[in-house]
Structures are given as structure tokens and as C-alpha cells.
Amino acid sequence: MIVRTKKYQLPTKTYIKTALVAVLQQQWWVGLIYLAICAGYLWIPNWWWIIGATIGLVLYLLFWLIQFAGVTQLEQGKFMFQKLSYEITSQQILLKLNPKQGMPMKWDQIKRAKAGKDHFVLFASKAQLLYFPHKIFNNKNEIRFLETVLRNKGYIK
């Protein structure tokens, strides 16, 4: 079966939010480091432990926010924010700019996937993702097919 989607342009705000949340979920241990540094207050009671740890955490979050905001401005990342249609099969995903121009993406290039209540997100790297809201599919069967492919490939449970 081939799923042909409607044309869709990924909004930059959606990209930044999705990518930032994904990185924070992957790197949850940074919160433990923050708490460990703050616990220094129990060893030597001084507010600088908490202030320093908070500044470090804010700088860490700003680093990732700037990284993802920068991807939206780079020439190499512009294709993710163009109006694309997709052809999804069990072998590959074809990203189509128009009927004659497209780029195939094999399933083995996808590192992980996430199924939300109204979307699918496929991550090729920390900065490169494919966002499929359910509204781009023509019917519920196409959504179920993509969900089945993701289950069979081991991306979602």
C-alpha cells in the first residue's frame, strides 16, 4: 500500500517546540545534575549553589533553543519547512516537492518515532524530523497503515 498525503508545510514554531521537548525527554538526566548541584546548599549553606545551578540550566536550555531556531534559518534545513507531500510505503518515505522532484528516505534512516494523539513524529537526528499531523492523511485507513508500519519496524509500541 502507498499512502499519498496532502501537501503540508511544517511551521517553525511547531518544529522548535517538538525538537526541544524531544531533546529534553532524551536528556532527562540534566535535571538530576541540576538537583545535585543545588544539593550543595545542604553541604555549605550558600545561595550561590542554587543561583549557579539555575544559571547553568537556563544556559543549557538556551543552547538547545538557539540550535533549533538556527536550523530554521540555515539553507541546509530549508527543505524541512517547504510545502511537501509524502508517499509512505513499508520500504521508504518519499518527500515530494512537486510531482517531478522528490527525495527518498529509507526507514533505516529513522532513529525513533513518536505517535501523539493527533500527529506522528519521525526523528532522523536531533535536528531533523518529519512531522505528520493526522489532517494531511486522506482517511483513517492511511493513519492506521502508518501506525502499523511504525509498529512493525519497532518504532512505537
N, C-alpha and C. Protein backbone atom coordinates (compact mmCIF):
# COMPACT_ATOMS: atom_id res chain seq x y z
N MET A 1 0.85 -1.19 0.00
CA MET A 1 0.00 0.00 0.00
C MET A 1 0.89 1.24 0.00
N ILE A 2 0.46 2.24 -0.76
CA ILE A 2 1.16 3.53 -0.81
C ILE A 2 0.23 4.59 -0.25
N VAL A 3 0.73 5.32 0.73
CA VAL A 3 -0.05 6.42 1.32
C VAL A 3 0.46 7.71 0.70
N ARG A 4 -0.43 8.42 0.03
CA ARG A 4 -0.09 9.72 -0.55
C ARG A 4 -0.79 10.80 0.28
N THR A 5 0.01 11.67 0.88
CA THR A 5 -0.55 12.68 1.77
C THR A 5 -0.83 13.97 1.01
N LYS A 6 -1.56 14.83 1.68
CA LYS A 6 -1.77 16.19 1.17
C LYS A 6 -0.49 16.98 1.41
N LYS A 7 -0.35 18.09 0.71
CA LYS A 7 0.82 18.95 0.92
C LYS A 7 0.74 19.57 2.32
N TYR A 8 1.91 19.65 2.96
CA TYR A 8 1.96 20.18 4.32
C TYR A 8 3.28 20.93 4.52
N GLN A 9 3.19 22.08 5.16
CA GLN A 9 4.38 22.85 5.50
C GLN A 9 4.51 22.89 7.02
N LEU A 10 5.63 22.41 7.52
CA LEU A 10 5.88 22.37 8.96
C LEU A 10 6.14 23.78 9.47
N PRO A 11 5.29 24.28 10.39
CA PRO A 11 5.54 25.61 10.97
C PRO A 11 6.81 25.57 11.84
N THR A 12 7.59 26.65 11.79
CA THR A 12 8.84 26.69 12.54
C THR A 12 8.60 26.58 14.04
N LYS A 13 7.53 27.17 14.54
CA LYS A 13 7.24 27.09 15.98
C LYS A 13 6.97 25.65 16.40
N THR A 14 6.24 24.91 15.59
CA THR A 14 5.96 23.51 15.88
C THR A 14 7.26 22.70 15.87
N TYR A 15 8.12 22.98 14.90
CA TYR A 15 9.41 22.29 14.83
C TYR A 15 10.24 22.55 16.09
N ILE A 16 10.39 23.81 16.46
CA ILE A 16 11.22 24.16 17.62
C ILE A 16 10.67 23.52 18.88
N LYS A 17 9.36 23.60 19.07
CA LYS A 17 8.75 23.02 20.28
C LYS A 17 8.93 21.51 20.31
N THR A 18 8.65 20.84 19.20
CA THR A 18 8.75 19.38 19.13
C THR A 18 10.18 18.91 19.35
N ALA A 19 11.14 19.56 18.69
CA ALA A 19 12.53 19.16 18.81
C ALA A 19 13.07 19.43 20.22
N LEU A 20 12.70 20.57 20.82
CA LEU A 20 13.17 20.91 22.16
C LEU A 20 12.61 19.93 23.19
N VAL A 21 11.33 19.62 23.10
CA VAL A 21 10.73 18.66 24.03
C VAL A 21 11.38 17.29 23.87
N ALA A 22 11.67 16.88 22.63
CA ALA A 22 12.28 15.57 22.39
C ALA A 22 13.68 15.49 23.00
N VAL A 23 14.47 16.56 22.85
CA VAL A 23 15.82 16.57 23.43
C VAL A 23 15.75 16.55 24.95
N LEU A 24 14.82 17.30 25.52
CA LEU A 24 14.70 17.32 26.97
C LEU A 24 14.23 15.97 27.51
N GLN A 25 13.39 15.27 26.77
CA GLN A 25 12.97 13.93 27.19
C GLN A 25 14.13 12.95 27.10
N GLN A 26 14.95 13.08 26.08
CA GLN A 26 16.09 12.19 25.92
C GLN A 26 17.16 12.47 26.97
N GLN A 27 17.35 13.74 27.31
CA GLN A 27 18.41 14.12 28.23
C GLN A 27 17.83 14.54 29.58
N TRP A 28 16.97 13.71 30.12
CA TRP A 28 16.31 13.96 31.40
C TRP A 28 17.31 14.03 32.55
N TRP A 29 18.44 13.39 32.39
CA TRP A 29 19.45 13.33 33.44
C TRP A 29 20.06 14.69 33.76
N VAL A 30 19.89 15.67 32.88
CA VAL A 30 20.38 17.02 33.15
C VAL A 30 19.67 17.58 34.38
N GLY A 31 18.41 17.23 34.57
CA GLY A 31 17.67 17.66 35.75
C GLY A 31 18.27 17.10 37.03
N LEU A 32 18.79 15.86 36.94
CA LEU A 32 19.46 15.27 38.11
C LEU A 32 20.75 16.02 38.45
N ILE A 33 21.48 16.43 37.44
CA ILE A 33 22.70 17.20 37.67
C ILE A 33 22.35 18.54 38.32
N TYR A 34 21.29 19.17 37.83
CA TYR A 34 20.82 20.43 38.41
C TYR A 34 20.49 20.24 39.90
N LEU A 35 19.75 19.19 40.21
CA LEU A 35 19.38 18.93 41.61
C LEU A 35 20.60 18.60 42.47
N ALA A 36 21.57 17.88 41.90
CA ALA A 36 22.78 17.54 42.65
C ALA A 36 23.59 18.79 42.99
N ILE A 37 23.67 19.72 42.05
CA ILE A 37 24.39 20.96 42.32
C ILE A 37 23.63 21.79 43.36
N CYS A 38 22.32 21.83 43.22
CA CYS A 38 21.51 22.56 44.22
C CYS A 38 21.65 21.92 45.60
N ALA A 39 21.87 20.62 45.66
CA ALA A 39 22.03 19.94 46.95
C ALA A 39 23.32 20.35 47.65
N GLY A 40 24.22 21.00 46.94
CA GLY A 40 25.42 21.55 47.56
C GLY A 40 25.08 22.54 48.66
N TYR A 41 23.88 23.10 48.59
CA TYR A 41 23.40 24.02 49.63
C TYR A 41 23.34 23.31 50.98
N LEU A 42 23.05 22.02 50.97
CA LEU A 42 22.98 21.26 52.23
C LEU A 42 24.38 21.05 52.82
N TRP A 43 25.40 21.01 51.98
CA TRP A 43 26.77 20.80 52.41
C TRP A 43 27.36 22.10 52.93
N ILE A 44 27.29 23.16 52.10
CA ILE A 44 27.73 24.50 52.50
C ILE A 44 26.55 25.43 52.23
N PRO A 45 25.82 25.85 53.27
CA PRO A 45 24.64 26.70 53.06
C PRO A 45 24.99 28.05 52.44
N ASN A 46 24.79 28.13 51.13
CA ASN A 46 25.05 29.36 50.40
C ASN A 46 24.13 29.36 49.18
N TRP A 47 23.46 30.47 48.96
CA TRP A 47 22.51 30.57 47.85
C TRP A 47 23.18 30.48 46.49
N TRP A 48 24.49 30.63 46.41
CA TRP A 48 25.19 30.59 45.13
C TRP A 48 25.11 29.21 44.48
N TRP A 49 24.94 28.16 45.27
CA TRP A 49 24.74 26.84 44.69
C TRP A 49 23.49 26.83 43.80
N ILE A 50 22.42 27.36 44.33
CA ILE A 50 21.14 27.36 43.60
C ILE A 50 21.18 28.34 42.44
N ILE A 51 21.75 29.53 42.68
CA ILE A 51 21.84 30.53 41.62
C ILE A 51 22.72 30.02 40.48
N GLY A 52 23.87 29.44 40.81
CA GLY A 52 24.78 28.92 39.78
C GLY A 52 24.17 27.78 38.99
N ALA A 53 23.50 26.87 39.71
CA ALA A 53 22.86 25.75 39.02
C ALA A 53 21.74 26.23 38.10
N THR A 54 20.97 27.21 38.57
CA THR A 54 19.88 27.74 37.75
C THR A 54 20.41 28.45 36.52
N ILE A 55 21.48 29.22 36.68
CA ILE A 55 22.09 29.89 35.51
C ILE A 55 22.58 28.84 34.52
N GLY A 56 23.22 27.78 35.01
CA GLY A 56 23.69 26.71 34.13
C GLY A 56 22.54 26.03 33.39
N LEU A 57 21.44 25.77 34.09
CA LEU A 57 20.27 25.14 33.47
C LEU A 57 19.66 26.04 32.41
N VAL A 58 19.55 27.33 32.70
CA VAL A 58 18.99 28.28 31.73
C VAL A 58 19.89 28.36 30.50
N LEU A 59 21.20 28.39 30.70
CA LEU A 59 22.13 28.42 29.56
C LEU A 59 22.02 27.14 28.72
N TYR A 60 21.84 26.01 29.38
CA TYR A 60 21.66 24.75 28.67
C TYR A 60 20.40 24.78 27.80
N LEU A 61 19.29 25.26 28.38
CA LEU A 61 18.04 25.36 27.62
C LEU A 61 18.17 26.36 26.47
N LEU A 62 18.84 27.49 26.72
CA LEU A 62 19.06 28.47 25.65
C LEU A 62 19.92 27.90 24.52
N PHE A 63 20.92 27.10 24.87
CA PHE A 63 21.76 26.47 23.86
C PHE A 63 20.92 25.67 22.88
N TRP A 64 20.05 24.79 23.41
CA TRP A 64 19.24 23.96 22.54
C TRP A 64 18.20 24.78 21.79
N LEU A 65 17.63 25.77 22.43
CA LEU A 65 16.64 26.63 21.77
C LEU A 65 17.28 27.36 20.59
N ILE A 66 18.49 27.88 20.79
CA ILE A 66 19.20 28.57 19.70
C ILE A 66 19.56 27.60 18.59
N GLN A 67 19.95 26.38 18.95
CA GLN A 67 20.28 25.38 17.93
C GLN A 67 19.08 25.11 17.02
N PHE A 68 17.93 24.89 17.62
CA PHE A 68 16.75 24.55 16.82
C PHE A 68 16.20 25.77 16.08
N ALA A 69 16.29 26.94 16.67
CA ALA A 69 15.86 28.15 15.96
C ALA A 69 16.81 28.42 14.79
N GLY A 70 18.08 28.10 14.97
CA GLY A 70 19.06 28.30 13.90
C GLY A 70 18.83 27.38 12.71
N VAL A 71 18.37 26.17 12.97
CA VAL A 71 18.09 25.23 11.87
C VAL A 71 17.04 25.80 10.94
N THR A 72 16.10 26.55 11.48
CA THR A 72 15.03 27.11 10.64
C THR A 72 15.57 28.18 9.70
N GLN A 73 16.74 28.76 10.02
CA GLN A 73 17.31 29.82 9.21
C GLN A 73 18.37 29.33 8.23
N LEU A 74 18.94 28.16 8.46
CA LEU A 74 20.01 27.64 7.62
C LEU A 74 19.48 27.16 6.28
N GLU A 75 20.32 27.29 5.27
CA GLU A 75 19.96 26.84 3.92
C GLU A 75 19.78 25.33 3.87
N GLN A 76 20.60 24.58 4.62
CA GLN A 76 20.53 23.12 4.61
C GLN A 76 19.21 22.62 5.21
N GLY A 77 18.62 23.38 6.11
CA GLY A 77 17.39 22.95 6.76
C GLY A 77 16.12 23.49 6.11
N LYS A 78 16.25 24.28 5.08
CA LYS A 78 15.08 24.91 4.46
C LYS A 78 14.09 23.89 3.89
N PHE A 79 14.59 22.73 3.43
CA PHE A 79 13.68 21.76 2.82
C PHE A 79 12.65 21.25 3.82
N MET A 80 12.99 21.22 5.12
CA MET A 80 12.03 20.73 6.11
C MET A 80 10.83 21.67 6.27
N PHE A 81 11.01 22.92 5.87
CA PHE A 81 9.97 23.92 6.08
C PHE A 81 9.30 24.35 4.77
N GLN A 82 9.51 23.57 3.73
CA GLN A 82 8.81 23.82 2.47
C GLN A 82 7.53 23.02 2.45
N LYS A 83 6.64 23.41 1.55
CA LYS A 83 5.38 22.68 1.41
C LYS A 83 5.66 21.39 0.66
N LEU A 84 5.55 20.26 1.39
CA LEU A 84 5.88 18.96 0.83
C LEU A 84 4.69 18.03 0.91
N SER A 85 4.66 17.07 -0.01
CA SER A 85 3.72 15.95 0.13
C SER A 85 4.59 14.71 0.32
N TYR A 86 4.00 13.66 0.84
CA TYR A 86 4.76 12.46 1.17
C TYR A 86 4.08 11.24 0.57
N GLU A 87 4.90 10.30 0.13
CA GLU A 87 4.43 8.97 -0.27
C GLU A 87 5.08 7.98 0.67
N ILE A 88 4.27 7.32 1.47
CA ILE A 88 4.78 6.42 2.50
C ILE A 88 4.45 4.99 2.12
N THR A 89 5.49 4.16 2.08
CA THR A 89 5.32 2.72 1.87
C THR A 89 6.05 2.00 2.99
N SER A 90 5.99 0.69 2.99
CA SER A 90 6.70 -0.06 4.04
C SER A 90 8.20 -0.10 3.77
N GLN A 91 8.66 0.32 2.59
CA GLN A 91 10.08 0.35 2.27
C GLN A 91 10.73 1.71 2.52
N GLN A 92 9.98 2.79 2.25
CA GLN A 92 10.58 4.13 2.32
C GLN A 92 9.52 5.21 2.46
N ILE A 93 10.01 6.41 2.70
CA ILE A 93 9.18 7.62 2.70
C ILE A 93 9.73 8.50 1.59
N LEU A 94 8.89 8.92 0.68
CA LEU A 94 9.31 9.78 -0.41
C LEU A 94 8.81 11.19 -0.11
N LEU A 95 9.75 12.12 0.08
CA LEU A 95 9.41 13.52 0.33
C LEU A 95 9.34 14.21 -1.02
N LYS A 96 8.17 14.72 -1.39
CA LYS A 96 7.97 15.27 -2.73
C LYS A 96 7.72 16.76 -2.69
N LEU A 97 8.59 17.50 -3.38
CA LEU A 97 8.43 18.94 -3.51
C LEU A 97 7.36 19.24 -4.57
N ASN A 98 7.38 18.49 -5.64
CA ASN A 98 6.37 18.56 -6.70
C ASN A 98 6.33 17.18 -7.37
N PRO A 99 5.47 16.95 -8.33
CA PRO A 99 5.38 15.59 -8.93
C PRO A 99 6.67 15.07 -9.54
N LYS A 100 7.60 15.96 -9.91
CA LYS A 100 8.84 15.51 -10.55
C LYS A 100 10.05 15.52 -9.62
N GLN A 101 9.99 16.26 -8.54
CA GLN A 101 11.13 16.37 -7.63
C GLN A 101 10.79 15.76 -6.28
N GLY A 102 11.66 14.86 -5.83
CA GLY A 102 11.45 14.23 -4.54
C GLY A 102 12.73 13.64 -4.00
N MET A 103 12.69 13.26 -2.72
CA MET A 103 13.85 12.67 -2.08
C MET A 103 13.39 11.46 -1.28
N PRO A 104 13.94 10.28 -1.58
CA PRO A 104 13.55 9.11 -0.80
C PRO A 104 14.28 9.08 0.54
N MET A 105 13.60 8.59 1.54
CA MET A 105 14.20 8.39 2.86
C MET A 105 13.85 6.97 3.29
N LYS A 106 14.88 6.15 3.42
CA LYS A 106 14.67 4.76 3.83
C LYS A 106 14.31 4.72 5.31
N TRP A 107 13.60 3.68 5.72
CA TRP A 107 13.18 3.55 7.11
C TRP A 107 14.36 3.39 8.05
N ASP A 108 15.49 2.86 7.55
CA ASP A 108 16.64 2.71 8.45
C ASP A 108 17.31 4.04 8.78
N GLN A 109 16.94 5.11 8.09
CA GLN A 109 17.44 6.45 8.44
C GLN A 109 16.69 7.04 9.64
N ILE A 110 15.53 6.49 9.93
CA ILE A 110 14.73 6.97 11.05
C ILE A 110 15.27 6.34 12.34
N LYS A 111 15.64 7.18 13.30
CA LYS A 111 16.21 6.70 14.56
C LYS A 111 15.12 6.28 15.54
N ARG A 112 14.06 7.08 15.62
CA ARG A 112 12.96 6.78 16.54
C ARG A 112 11.72 7.52 16.06
N ALA A 113 10.59 7.16 16.62
CA ALA A 113 9.32 7.78 16.24
C ALA A 113 8.46 7.95 17.48
N LYS A 114 7.52 8.87 17.38
CA LYS A 114 6.60 9.12 18.47
C LYS A 114 5.22 9.33 17.86
N ALA A 115 4.22 8.68 18.45
CA ALA A 115 2.85 8.85 17.98
C ALA A 115 2.10 9.65 19.03
N GLY A 116 1.63 10.83 18.64
CA GLY A 116 0.81 11.65 19.51
C GLY A 116 -0.66 11.39 19.22
N LYS A 117 -1.55 12.09 19.93
CA LYS A 117 -2.97 11.86 19.70
C LYS A 117 -3.45 12.39 18.36
N ASP A 118 -2.73 13.38 17.79
CA ASP A 118 -3.14 13.94 16.50
C ASP A 118 -1.98 14.09 15.52
N HIS A 119 -0.86 13.38 15.78
CA HIS A 119 0.29 13.50 14.89
C HIS A 119 1.25 12.33 15.08
N PHE A 120 2.16 12.20 14.11
CA PHE A 120 3.30 11.29 14.19
C PHE A 120 4.55 12.14 14.00
N VAL A 121 5.60 11.83 14.75
CA VAL A 121 6.88 12.50 14.57
C VAL A 121 7.93 11.42 14.36
N LEU A 122 8.69 11.54 13.27
CA LEU A 122 9.77 10.61 12.97
C LEU A 122 11.08 11.39 13.07
N PHE A 123 12.00 10.91 13.88
CA PHE A 123 13.27 11.59 14.11
C PHE A 123 14.38 10.90 13.34
N ALA A 124 15.03 11.65 12.45
CA ALA A 124 16.20 11.12 11.74
C ALA A 124 17.47 11.49 12.50
N SER A 125 17.44 12.59 13.23
CA SER A 125 18.52 13.02 14.11
C SER A 125 17.91 13.97 15.13
N LYS A 126 18.75 14.57 15.97
CA LYS A 126 18.21 15.51 16.96
C LYS A 126 17.58 16.72 16.28
N ALA A 127 18.14 17.13 15.15
CA ALA A 127 17.66 18.34 14.49
C ALA A 127 16.78 18.08 13.28
N GLN A 128 16.74 16.86 12.78
CA GLN A 128 15.95 16.57 11.59
C GLN A 128 14.80 15.66 11.96
N LEU A 129 13.60 16.13 11.66
CA LEU A 129 12.41 15.34 11.97
C LEU A 129 11.36 15.51 10.89
N LEU A 130 10.48 14.52 10.82
CA LEU A 130 9.32 14.58 9.94
C LEU A 130 8.09 14.61 10.83
N TYR A 131 7.25 15.59 10.64
CA TYR A 131 6.06 15.79 11.46
C TYR A 131 4.84 15.56 10.58
N PHE A 132 4.05 14.55 10.92
CA PHE A 132 2.86 14.21 10.15
C PHE A 132 1.60 14.41 11.00
N PRO A 133 0.94 15.56 10.88
CA PRO A 133 -0.35 15.68 11.58
C PRO A 133 -1.38 14.80 10.87
N HIS A 134 -2.36 14.33 11.60
CA HIS A 134 -3.36 13.43 11.02
C HIS A 134 -4.16 14.12 9.91
N LYS A 135 -4.22 15.44 9.91
CA LYS A 135 -5.03 16.14 8.91
C LYS A 135 -4.46 16.03 7.49
N ILE A 136 -3.20 15.63 7.33
CA ILE A 136 -2.65 15.51 5.98
C ILE A 136 -2.99 14.18 5.32
N PHE A 137 -3.51 13.24 6.09
CA PHE A 137 -3.90 11.96 5.53
C PHE A 137 -5.32 12.05 4.98
N ASN A 138 -5.58 11.25 3.96
CA ASN A 138 -6.87 11.31 3.28
C ASN A 138 -7.99 10.57 4.01
N ASN A 139 -7.62 9.55 4.80
CA ASN A 139 -8.64 8.82 5.56
C ASN A 139 -7.98 8.10 6.74
N LYS A 140 -8.81 7.51 7.58
CA LYS A 140 -8.33 6.84 8.79
C LYS A 140 -7.50 5.59 8.46
N ASN A 141 -7.77 4.94 7.33
CA ASN A 141 -7.02 3.76 6.95
C ASN A 141 -5.54 4.08 6.73
N GLU A 142 -5.25 5.25 6.16
CA GLU A 142 -3.87 5.65 5.93
C GLU A 142 -3.15 5.89 7.25
N ILE A 143 -3.85 6.46 8.22
CA ILE A 143 -3.27 6.68 9.55
C ILE A 143 -2.96 5.33 10.19
N ARG A 144 -3.90 4.40 10.09
CA ARG A 144 -3.69 3.06 10.65
C ARG A 144 -2.55 2.33 9.95
N PHE A 145 -2.42 2.52 8.63
CA PHE A 145 -1.32 1.89 7.90
C PHE A 145 0.03 2.40 8.40
N LEU A 146 0.16 3.72 8.55
CA LEU A 146 1.42 4.29 9.04
C LEU A 146 1.70 3.79 10.46
N GLU A 147 0.67 3.72 11.28
CA GLU A 147 0.83 3.22 12.64
C GLU A 147 1.30 1.75 12.63
N THR A 148 0.75 0.96 11.72
CA THR A 148 1.15 -0.44 11.59
C THR A 148 2.59 -0.56 11.13
N VAL A 149 2.98 0.25 10.17
CA VAL A 149 4.37 0.23 9.69
C VAL A 149 5.31 0.60 10.83
N LEU A 150 4.97 1.63 11.60
CA LEU A 150 5.82 2.05 12.71
C LEU A 150 5.92 0.96 13.77
N ARG A 151 4.82 0.24 14.00
CA ARG A 151 4.86 -0.87 14.96
C ARG A 151 5.73 -2.02 14.45
N ASN A 152 5.55 -2.36 13.17
CA ASN A 152 6.31 -3.46 12.59
C ASN A 152 7.80 -3.17 12.56
N LYS A 153 8.16 -1.92 12.36
CA LYS A 153 9.57 -1.53 12.32
C LYS A 153 10.15 -1.38 13.74
N GLY A 154 9.27 -1.39 14.75
CA GLY A 154 9.72 -1.31 16.13
C GLY A 154 9.91 0.10 16.66
N TYR A 155 9.31 1.08 16.01
CA TYR A 155 9.47 2.47 16.43
C TYR A 155 8.49 2.86 17.54
N ILE A 156 7.31 2.29 17.51
CA ILE A 156 6.32 2.56 18.56
C ILE A 156 5.79 1.23 19.07
N LYS A 157 5.19 1.28 20.26
CA LYS A 157 4.66 0.05 20.87
C LYS A 157 3.16 0.05 20.86
